[in-house]
N, C-alpha and C. Protein backbone atom coordinates (compact mmCIF):
# COMPACT_ATOMS: atom_id res chain seq x y z
N MET A 1 0.83 -1.17 0.00
CA MET A 1 0.00 0.00 0.00
C MET A 1 0.89 1.25 0.00
N THR A 2 0.57 2.19 -0.86
CA THR A 2 1.32 3.45 -0.95
C THR A 2 0.39 4.60 -0.59
N ILE A 3 0.88 5.49 0.25
CA ILE A 3 0.12 6.67 0.64
C ILE A 3 0.75 7.88 -0.03
N TYR A 4 -0.09 8.71 -0.65
CA TYR A 4 0.37 9.94 -1.29
C TYR A 4 -0.23 11.13 -0.54
N LYS A 5 0.57 12.14 -0.35
CA LYS A 5 0.11 13.35 0.33
C LYS A 5 0.25 14.53 -0.62
N ILE A 6 -0.80 15.33 -0.72
CA ILE A 6 -0.80 16.52 -1.56
C ILE A 6 -1.07 17.70 -0.63
N ARG A 7 -0.25 18.72 -0.71
CA ARG A 7 -0.50 19.92 0.10
C ARG A 7 -0.11 21.16 -0.69
N SER A 8 -0.80 22.23 -0.37
CA SER A 8 -0.49 23.50 -1.02
C SER A 8 -0.82 24.62 -0.05
N TRP A 9 -0.12 25.72 -0.21
CA TRP A 9 -0.40 26.90 0.58
C TRP A 9 0.14 28.12 -0.14
N SER A 10 -0.52 29.25 0.10
CA SER A 10 -0.06 30.52 -0.46
C SER A 10 -0.35 31.62 0.54
N TRP A 11 0.43 32.66 0.49
CA TRP A 11 0.26 33.78 1.42
C TRP A 11 0.80 35.05 0.78
N ARG A 12 0.37 36.17 1.34
CA ARG A 12 0.81 37.49 0.89
C ARG A 12 1.49 38.18 2.05
N VAL A 13 2.51 38.96 1.76
CA VAL A 13 3.20 39.74 2.78
C VAL A 13 2.75 41.19 2.63
N ASP A 14 2.22 41.78 3.71
CA ASP A 14 1.75 43.16 3.63
C ASP A 14 2.91 44.14 3.82
N ARG A 15 2.60 45.43 3.80
CA ARG A 15 3.64 46.47 3.89
C ARG A 15 4.43 46.41 5.18
N LYS A 16 3.83 45.91 6.23
CA LYS A 16 4.50 45.82 7.53
C LYS A 16 5.29 44.52 7.69
N GLY A 17 5.24 43.67 6.66
CA GLY A 17 5.97 42.41 6.71
C GLY A 17 5.19 41.27 7.32
N ASN A 18 3.89 41.47 7.55
CA ASN A 18 3.04 40.43 8.14
C ASN A 18 2.52 39.50 7.05
N MET A 19 2.41 38.23 7.39
CA MET A 19 1.88 37.24 6.46
C MET A 19 0.35 37.24 6.57
N VAL A 20 -0.34 37.47 5.44
CA VAL A 20 -1.81 37.52 5.45
C VAL A 20 -2.38 36.72 4.27
N ASP A 21 -3.70 36.53 4.29
CA ASP A 21 -4.40 35.83 3.20
C ASP A 21 -3.86 34.44 2.96
N GLN A 22 -3.59 33.72 4.01
CA GLN A 22 -3.06 32.37 3.84
C GLN A 22 -4.15 31.43 3.38
N ASP A 23 -3.87 30.64 2.37
CA ASP A 23 -4.76 29.62 1.85
C ASP A 23 -3.99 28.31 1.87
N SER A 24 -4.48 27.32 2.58
CA SER A 24 -3.75 26.05 2.61
C SER A 24 -4.73 24.89 2.43
N ASN A 25 -4.24 23.85 1.78
CA ASN A 25 -5.02 22.65 1.51
C ASN A 25 -4.13 21.43 1.67
N GLU A 26 -4.74 20.34 2.12
CA GLU A 26 -3.99 19.10 2.29
C GLU A 26 -4.92 17.92 2.05
N ASP A 27 -4.46 16.96 1.25
CA ASP A 27 -5.23 15.75 0.96
C ASP A 27 -4.32 14.54 1.03
N VAL A 28 -4.92 13.39 1.30
CA VAL A 28 -4.20 12.11 1.35
C VAL A 28 -4.93 11.14 0.44
N VAL A 29 -4.16 10.42 -0.39
CA VAL A 29 -4.72 9.42 -1.31
C VAL A 29 -3.99 8.11 -1.08
N ILE A 30 -4.74 7.01 -1.08
CA ILE A 30 -4.14 5.70 -0.86
C ILE A 30 -4.17 4.90 -2.15
N ASP A 31 -3.00 4.43 -2.57
CA ASP A 31 -2.84 3.50 -3.71
C ASP A 31 -3.41 3.97 -5.04
N ASN A 32 -3.37 5.26 -5.33
CA ASN A 32 -3.89 5.72 -6.61
C ASN A 32 -3.12 6.99 -7.03
N LEU A 33 -1.96 6.78 -7.66
CA LEU A 33 -1.12 7.90 -8.06
C LEU A 33 -1.81 8.79 -9.08
N ASP A 34 -2.58 8.21 -9.99
CA ASP A 34 -3.28 9.03 -10.99
C ASP A 34 -4.25 10.00 -10.33
N PHE A 35 -5.00 9.52 -9.35
CA PHE A 35 -5.94 10.39 -8.64
C PHE A 35 -5.18 11.44 -7.82
N ALA A 36 -4.08 11.04 -7.20
CA ALA A 36 -3.26 11.98 -6.43
C ALA A 36 -2.73 13.09 -7.34
N GLN A 37 -2.32 12.73 -8.55
CA GLN A 37 -1.82 13.74 -9.49
C GLN A 37 -2.94 14.67 -9.96
N SER A 38 -4.15 14.16 -10.08
CA SER A 38 -5.26 15.04 -10.48
C SER A 38 -5.59 16.02 -9.36
N ILE A 39 -5.52 15.58 -8.11
CA ILE A 39 -5.72 16.49 -6.98
C ILE A 39 -4.59 17.51 -6.94
N TYR A 40 -3.36 17.07 -7.18
CA TYR A 40 -2.21 17.98 -7.22
C TYR A 40 -2.44 19.08 -8.25
N LYS A 41 -2.94 18.71 -9.42
CA LYS A 41 -3.18 19.70 -10.48
C LYS A 41 -4.23 20.71 -10.05
N SER A 42 -5.24 20.26 -9.33
CA SER A 42 -6.26 21.17 -8.81
C SER A 42 -5.65 22.16 -7.80
N HIS A 43 -4.85 21.63 -6.89
CA HIS A 43 -4.15 22.49 -5.92
C HIS A 43 -3.22 23.46 -6.66
N LEU A 44 -2.54 22.95 -7.67
CA LEU A 44 -1.58 23.75 -8.42
C LEU A 44 -2.27 24.93 -9.11
N ASN A 45 -3.45 24.72 -9.65
CA ASN A 45 -4.18 25.81 -10.29
C ASN A 45 -4.48 26.93 -9.30
N ARG A 46 -4.84 26.58 -8.08
CA ARG A 46 -5.12 27.59 -7.05
C ARG A 46 -3.85 28.37 -6.69
N VAL A 47 -2.74 27.65 -6.56
CA VAL A 47 -1.48 28.30 -6.19
C VAL A 47 -0.98 29.17 -7.34
N LYS A 48 -1.09 28.69 -8.56
CA LYS A 48 -0.63 29.48 -9.71
C LYS A 48 -1.47 30.74 -9.88
N TYR A 49 -2.73 30.71 -9.50
CA TYR A 49 -3.55 31.91 -9.53
C TYR A 49 -2.94 32.97 -8.61
N SER A 50 -2.55 32.59 -7.41
CA SER A 50 -1.91 33.52 -6.46
C SER A 50 -0.58 34.02 -6.99
N ALA A 51 0.10 33.22 -7.80
CA ALA A 51 1.43 33.59 -8.32
C ALA A 51 1.36 34.79 -9.25
N GLN A 52 0.17 35.13 -9.72
CA GLN A 52 0.02 36.27 -10.61
C GLN A 52 0.15 37.60 -9.89
N PHE A 53 0.04 37.60 -8.57
CA PHE A 53 -0.01 38.83 -7.82
C PHE A 53 1.32 39.15 -7.13
N SER A 54 1.59 40.42 -6.99
CA SER A 54 2.81 40.89 -6.34
C SER A 54 2.78 40.55 -4.85
N LYS A 55 3.93 40.26 -4.30
CA LYS A 55 4.15 39.98 -2.87
C LYS A 55 3.46 38.71 -2.38
N TYR A 56 3.14 37.81 -3.30
CA TYR A 56 2.57 36.52 -2.91
C TYR A 56 3.65 35.45 -2.98
N HIS A 57 3.50 34.43 -2.16
CA HIS A 57 4.41 33.30 -2.10
C HIS A 57 3.56 32.04 -2.03
N GLY A 58 4.08 30.93 -2.51
CA GLY A 58 3.30 29.71 -2.43
C GLY A 58 4.08 28.46 -2.76
N ARG A 59 3.49 27.34 -2.39
CA ARG A 59 4.07 26.03 -2.64
C ARG A 59 2.95 25.05 -2.95
N CYS A 60 3.26 24.04 -3.76
CA CYS A 60 2.35 22.94 -4.03
C CYS A 60 3.22 21.68 -4.14
N GLN A 61 2.86 20.63 -3.41
CA GLN A 61 3.72 19.45 -3.34
C GLN A 61 2.92 18.16 -3.36
N LEU A 62 3.46 17.16 -4.04
CA LEU A 62 2.94 15.80 -4.04
C LEU A 62 4.09 14.89 -3.66
N PHE A 63 3.88 14.05 -2.65
CA PHE A 63 4.98 13.20 -2.17
C PHE A 63 4.43 12.00 -1.40
N ILE A 64 5.31 11.06 -1.12
CA ILE A 64 5.00 9.92 -0.26
C ILE A 64 5.53 10.28 1.12
N PRO A 65 4.65 10.48 2.11
CA PRO A 65 5.10 10.94 3.41
C PRO A 65 5.76 9.84 4.25
N HIS A 66 6.61 10.27 5.12
CA HIS A 66 7.17 9.35 6.12
C HIS A 66 6.05 9.00 7.09
N ILE A 67 6.01 7.76 7.56
CA ILE A 67 5.01 7.35 8.53
C ILE A 67 5.72 7.07 9.86
N HIS A 68 5.32 7.80 10.89
CA HIS A 68 5.91 7.63 12.22
C HIS A 68 5.49 6.28 12.82
N GLU A 69 6.20 5.85 13.85
CA GLU A 69 5.91 4.56 14.48
C GLU A 69 4.49 4.50 15.04
N ASP A 70 3.93 5.65 15.44
CA ASP A 70 2.57 5.66 15.99
C ASP A 70 1.50 5.76 14.89
N GLY A 71 1.92 5.75 13.60
CA GLY A 71 0.99 5.76 12.49
C GLY A 71 0.68 7.13 11.92
N LEU A 72 1.16 8.19 12.55
CA LEU A 72 0.93 9.53 12.03
C LEU A 72 1.76 9.78 10.78
N LEU A 73 1.16 10.51 9.82
CA LEU A 73 1.89 10.88 8.62
C LEU A 73 2.72 12.13 8.91
N ALA A 74 3.97 12.10 8.51
CA ALA A 74 4.85 13.23 8.70
C ALA A 74 4.48 14.36 7.74
N TYR A 75 4.87 15.57 8.11
CA TYR A 75 4.59 16.74 7.28
C TYR A 75 5.43 16.73 6.01
N PHE A 76 6.61 16.13 6.07
CA PHE A 76 7.54 16.08 4.94
C PHE A 76 7.83 14.64 4.55
N PRO A 77 8.30 14.42 3.32
CA PRO A 77 8.70 13.07 2.90
C PRO A 77 10.09 12.73 3.45
N ASP A 78 10.42 11.47 3.39
CA ASP A 78 11.80 11.07 3.71
C ASP A 78 12.72 11.65 2.65
N ASN A 79 13.86 12.14 3.02
CA ASN A 79 14.91 12.62 2.10
C ASN A 79 14.45 13.72 1.16
N ASP A 80 13.41 14.46 1.52
CA ASP A 80 12.90 15.56 0.69
C ASP A 80 12.69 15.15 -0.77
N GLU A 81 12.18 13.95 -0.99
CA GLU A 81 11.92 13.46 -2.34
C GLU A 81 10.45 13.70 -2.68
N TYR A 82 10.22 14.66 -3.56
CA TYR A 82 8.87 15.00 -3.98
C TYR A 82 8.59 14.38 -5.35
N ILE A 83 7.39 13.88 -5.55
CA ILE A 83 6.99 13.36 -6.86
C ILE A 83 6.80 14.55 -7.80
N GLU A 84 6.12 15.59 -7.30
CA GLU A 84 5.96 16.84 -8.04
C GLU A 84 6.00 17.97 -7.03
N GLU A 85 6.55 19.12 -7.47
CA GLU A 85 6.64 20.28 -6.57
C GLU A 85 6.67 21.55 -7.39
N PHE A 86 5.97 22.56 -6.91
CA PHE A 86 5.97 23.89 -7.53
C PHE A 86 6.11 24.91 -6.42
N ALA A 87 6.95 25.91 -6.61
CA ALA A 87 7.14 26.97 -5.63
C ALA A 87 7.34 28.30 -6.33
N PHE A 88 6.88 29.36 -5.68
CA PHE A 88 7.12 30.70 -6.25
C PHE A 88 7.23 31.72 -5.13
N ASP A 89 7.96 32.77 -5.39
CA ASP A 89 8.12 33.92 -4.51
C ASP A 89 8.10 35.17 -5.36
N ASN A 90 7.12 36.03 -5.18
CA ASN A 90 7.04 37.27 -5.93
C ASN A 90 7.41 38.45 -5.07
């Protein structure tokens, strides 16, 4: 069994340097890479929309997460190996 994790987030930095307008999404898919990639593309479209604007930052990632001994999925993959990844800083 393979677990895929898809996550995305974007934010804007205001004039005072504060992070605002944060949008984040996270999904988990079991044993279906094609479906995980379709969810990734949906997340990616949202993040790329934010990339059009000044002072926005964002990330979109698809990866196989590390699984802790207690069964929790880690926030990051082992060895920072992403299946797909998009990042931008404006």
